[in-house]
């Protein structure tokens, strides 16, 4: 969980500053989370680069989203329906099937731990 909060906090801090790129050490999990945000069009592009036998992720940030709210509480499948239609934005849920959006978790009929809400 701390990994997801760290990544989203990096995104939030660099969005608030003038920077357009983020450099972080690369792992497969971090790369998958950033690719997930790239598919949802919250960031422009993710690059996996190698410099002197060290691997880094270079993330090109979009300046269009406004807010990230960190949440950390479990949610049942029955309660997902209320969140899905009440709020606009992207809810990210950590489930037994991996990190999913609230829509995908509702389709799979599983609950999990609500991680964050991105406007």
C-alpha atoms as a PDB file:
ATOM      1  CA  UNK A   1       0.000   0.000   0.000  1.00  0.00           C
ATOM      2  CA  UNK A   2       2.781   2.428   0.825  1.00  0.00           C
ATOM      3  CA  UNK A   3       4.114   2.005  -2.700  1.00  0.00           C
ATOM      4  CA  UNK A   4       0.861   3.211  -4.250  1.00  0.00           C
ATOM      5  CA  UNK A   5       0.653   6.173  -1.863  1.00  0.00           C
ATOM      6  CA  UNK A   6       4.264   7.078  -2.636  1.00  0.00           C
ATOM      7  CA  UNK A   7       3.680   6.998  -6.392  1.00  0.00           C
ATOM      8  CA  UNK A   8       0.489   9.021  -6.263  1.00  0.00           C
ATOM      9  CA  UNK A   9       2.068  11.478  -3.843  1.00  0.00           C
ATOM     10  CA  UNK A  10       4.936  11.957  -6.336  1.00  0.00           C
ATOM     11  CA  UNK A  11       2.372  12.623  -9.037  1.00  0.00           C
ATOM     12  CA  UNK A  12       0.484  15.095  -6.855  1.00  0.00           C
ATOM     13  CA  UNK A  13       3.607  17.008  -5.770  1.00  0.00           C
ATOM     14  CA  UNK A  14       5.015  17.277  -9.278  1.00  0.00           C
ATOM     15  CA  UNK A  15       1.636  18.335 -10.607  1.00  0.00           C
ATOM     16  CA  UNK A  16       1.537  21.184  -8.098  1.00  0.00           C
ATOM     17  CA  UNK A  17       5.055  22.278  -9.053  1.00  0.00           C
ATOM     18  CA  UNK A  18       6.141  23.373 -12.507  1.00  0.00           C
ATOM     19  CA  UNK A  19       7.890  20.075 -13.370  1.00  0.00           C
ATOM     20  CA  UNK A  20       6.766  18.100 -16.402  1.00  0.00           C
ATOM     21  CA  UNK A  21       8.729  14.901 -15.696  1.00  0.00           C
ATOM     22  CA  UNK A  22       9.212  12.541 -12.757  1.00  0.00           C
ATOM     23  CA  UNK A  23      12.295  10.315 -12.351  1.00  0.00           C
ATOM     24  CA  UNK A  24      11.950   7.349  -9.999  1.00  0.00           C
ATOM     25  CA  UNK A  25      13.701   4.004  -9.560  1.00  0.00           C
ATOM     26  CA  UNK A  26      12.064   1.334 -11.672  1.00  0.00           C
ATOM     27  CA  UNK A  27      10.291  -1.802 -10.519  1.00  0.00           C
ATOM     28  CA  UNK A  28       7.767  -3.884 -12.381  1.00  0.00           C
ATOM     29  CA  UNK A  29       4.947  -3.000  -9.965  1.00  0.00           C
ATOM     30  CA  UNK A  30       5.602   0.729 -10.259  1.00  0.00           C
ATOM     31  CA  UNK A  31       5.701   0.415 -14.031  1.00  0.00           C
ATOM     32  CA  UNK A  32       2.334  -1.377 -14.096  1.00  0.00           C
ATOM     33  CA  UNK A  33       0.700   1.268 -11.891  1.00  0.00           C
ATOM     34  CA  UNK A  34       2.020   4.095 -14.061  1.00  0.00           C
ATOM     35  CA  UNK A  35       0.904   2.267 -17.223  1.00  0.00           C
ATOM     36  CA  UNK A  36      -2.534   1.929 -15.629  1.00  0.00           C
ATOM     37  CA  UNK A  37      -2.664   5.713 -15.126  1.00  0.00           C
ATOM     38  CA  UNK A  38      -1.399   6.219 -18.685  1.00  0.00           C
ATOM     39  CA  UNK A  39      -4.223   4.091 -20.083  1.00  0.00           C
ATOM     40  CA  UNK A  40      -6.713   6.227 -18.154  1.00  0.00           C
ATOM     41  CA  UNK A  41      -5.061   9.394 -19.616  1.00  0.00           C
ATOM     42  CA  UNK A  42      -3.897  10.871 -16.306  1.00  0.00           C
ATOM     43  CA  UNK A  43      -0.273  10.945 -17.477  1.00  0.00           C
ATOM     44  CA  UNK A  44       1.140  11.334 -20.986  1.00  0.00           C
ATOM     45  CA  UNK A  45       3.815   8.655 -21.273  1.00  0.00           C
ATOM     46  CA  UNK A  46       5.940   6.270 -19.190  1.00  0.00           C
ATOM     47  CA  UNK A  47       9.482   5.401 -20.263  1.00  0.00           C
ATOM     48  CA  UNK A  48      11.679   2.644 -18.809  1.00  0.00           C
ATOM     49  CA  UNK A  49      15.281   3.871 -19.146  1.00  0.00           C
ATOM     50  CA  UNK A  50      18.617   2.352 -18.148  1.00  0.00           C
ATOM     51  CA  UNK A  51      21.559   4.557 -17.102  1.00  0.00           C
ATOM     52  CA  UNK A  52      24.826   2.992 -15.887  1.00  0.00           C
ATOM     53  CA  UNK A  53      23.193  -0.367 -15.065  1.00  0.00           C
ATOM     54  CA  UNK A  54      20.491   1.366 -13.005  1.00  0.00           C
ATOM     55  CA  UNK A  55      16.890   1.360 -14.158  1.00  0.00           C
ATOM     56  CA  UNK A  56      14.609   4.371 -13.870  1.00  0.00           C
ATOM     57  CA  UNK A  57      11.109   5.333 -14.881  1.00  0.00           C
ATOM     58  CA  UNK A  58      10.640   8.641 -16.647  1.00  0.00           C
ATOM     59  CA  UNK A  59       7.040   9.829 -16.444  1.00  0.00           C
ATOM     60  CA  UNK A  60       5.691  12.682 -18.549  1.00  0.00           C
ATOM     61  CA  UNK A  61       2.908  14.396 -16.584  1.00  0.00           C
ATOM     62  CA  UNK A  62      -0.329  15.909 -17.865  1.00  0.00           C
ATOM     63  CA  UNK A  63      -1.469  19.121 -16.224  1.00  0.00           C
ATOM     64  CA  UNK A  64      -5.205  18.485 -16.519  1.00  0.00           C
ATOM     65  CA  UNK A  65      -6.305  16.687 -13.358  1.00  0.00           C
ATOM     66  CA  UNK A  66      -7.047  18.697 -10.275  1.00  0.00           C
ATOM     67  CA  UNK A  67      -6.981  16.630  -7.133  1.00  0.00           C
ATOM     68  CA  UNK A  68      -5.984  13.291  -5.613  1.00  0.00           C
ATOM     69  CA  UNK A  69      -7.626  12.165  -2.391  1.00  0.00           C
ATOM     70  CA  UNK A  70      -6.003   9.279  -0.533  1.00  0.00           C
ATOM     71  CA  UNK A  71      -8.434   6.824   1.019  1.00  0.00           C
ATOM     72  CA  UNK A  72      -7.669   3.676   2.961  1.00  0.00           C
ATOM     73  CA  UNK A  73     -10.735   1.681   3.879  1.00  0.00           C
ATOM     74  CA  UNK A  74     -12.299  -1.592   2.758  1.00  0.00           C
ATOM     75  CA  UNK A  75     -15.311  -1.542   0.492  1.00  0.00           C
ATOM     76  CA  UNK A  76     -17.767  -4.334  -0.223  1.00  0.00           C
ATOM     77  CA  UNK A  77     -19.199  -5.209  -3.597  1.00  0.00           C
ATOM     78  CA  UNK A  78     -22.649  -3.983  -2.520  1.00  0.00           C
ATOM     79  CA  UNK A  79     -21.315  -0.494  -1.739  1.00  0.00           C
ATOM     80  CA  UNK A  80     -19.412  -0.111  -5.015  1.00  0.00           C
ATOM     81  CA  UNK A  81     -22.629   0.605  -6.912  1.00  0.00           C
ATOM     82  CA  UNK A  82     -23.285   3.732  -4.798  1.00  0.00           C
ATOM     83  CA  UNK A  83     -19.785   5.139  -5.342  1.00  0.00           C
ATOM     84  CA  UNK A  84     -19.799   4.350  -9.038  1.00  0.00           C
ATOM     85  CA  UNK A  85     -22.876   6.439  -9.820  1.00  0.00           C
ATOM     86  CA  UNK A  86     -22.559   9.110  -7.140  1.00  0.00           C
ATOM     87  CA  UNK A  87     -19.074  10.461  -7.947  1.00  0.00           C
ATOM     88  CA  UNK A  88     -17.261  11.399 -11.138  1.00  0.00           C
ATOM     89  CA  UNK A  89     -13.592  10.550 -11.399  1.00  0.00           C
ATOM     90  CA  UNK A  90     -11.394   7.514 -10.975  1.00  0.00           C
ATOM     91  CA  UNK A  91     -11.549   5.299  -7.896  1.00  0.00           C
ATOM     92  CA  UNK A  92      -8.668   2.829  -7.573  1.00  0.00           C
ATOM     93  CA  UNK A  93      -9.272  -0.373  -5.587  1.00  0.00           C
ATOM     94  CA  UNK A  94      -6.744  -2.978  -4.463  1.00  0.00           C
ATOM     95  CA  UNK A  95      -8.437  -6.376  -4.798  1.00  0.00           C
ATOM     96  CA  UNK A  96      -7.406 -10.001  -4.819  1.00  0.00           C
ATOM     97  CA  UNK A  97      -7.289  -9.721  -8.627  1.00  0.00           C
ATOM     98  CA  UNK A  98      -4.862  -6.769  -8.514  1.00  0.00           C
ATOM     99  CA  UNK A  99      -5.287  -3.011  -8.746  1.00  0.00           C
ATOM    100  CA  UNK A 100      -8.555  -2.204 -10.522  1.00  0.00           C
ATOM    101  CA  UNK A 101     -10.881   0.694 -11.167  1.00  0.00           C
ATOM    102  CA  UNK A 102     -14.218   0.730  -9.407  1.00  0.00           C
ATOM    103  CA  UNK A 103     -15.980  -0.114 -12.681  1.00  0.00           C
ATOM    104  CA  UNK A 104     -13.870  -3.231 -13.282  1.00  0.00           C
ATOM    105  CA  UNK A 105     -14.325  -4.368  -9.671  1.00  0.00           C
ATOM    106  CA  UNK A 106     -18.085  -3.975 -10.042  1.00  0.00           C
ATOM    107  CA  UNK A 107     -18.065  -6.046 -13.235  1.00  0.00           C
ATOM    108  CA  UNK A 108     -16.032  -8.794 -11.524  1.00  0.00           C
ATOM    109  CA  UNK A 109     -18.317  -8.595  -8.443  1.00  0.00           C
ATOM    110  CA  UNK A 110     -15.474  -8.251  -5.944  1.00  0.00           C
ATOM    111  CA  UNK A 111     -14.681  -5.764  -3.206  1.00  0.00           C
ATOM    112  CA  UNK A 112     -11.368  -4.642  -1.822  1.00  0.00           C
ATOM    113  CA  UNK A 113      -9.419  -1.811  -0.270  1.00  0.00           C
ATOM    114  CA  UNK A 114     -10.227   1.631  -1.656  1.00  0.00           C
ATOM    115  CA  UNK A 115      -6.885   3.349  -2.302  1.00  0.00           C
ATOM    116  CA  UNK A 116      -7.559   6.746  -3.835  1.00  0.00           C
ATOM    117  CA  UNK A 117      -9.929   8.980  -5.737  1.00  0.00           C
ATOM    118  CA  UNK A 118      -8.604  11.074  -8.632  1.00  0.00           C
ATOM    119  CA  UNK A 119     -10.727  13.959  -9.917  1.00  0.00           C
END
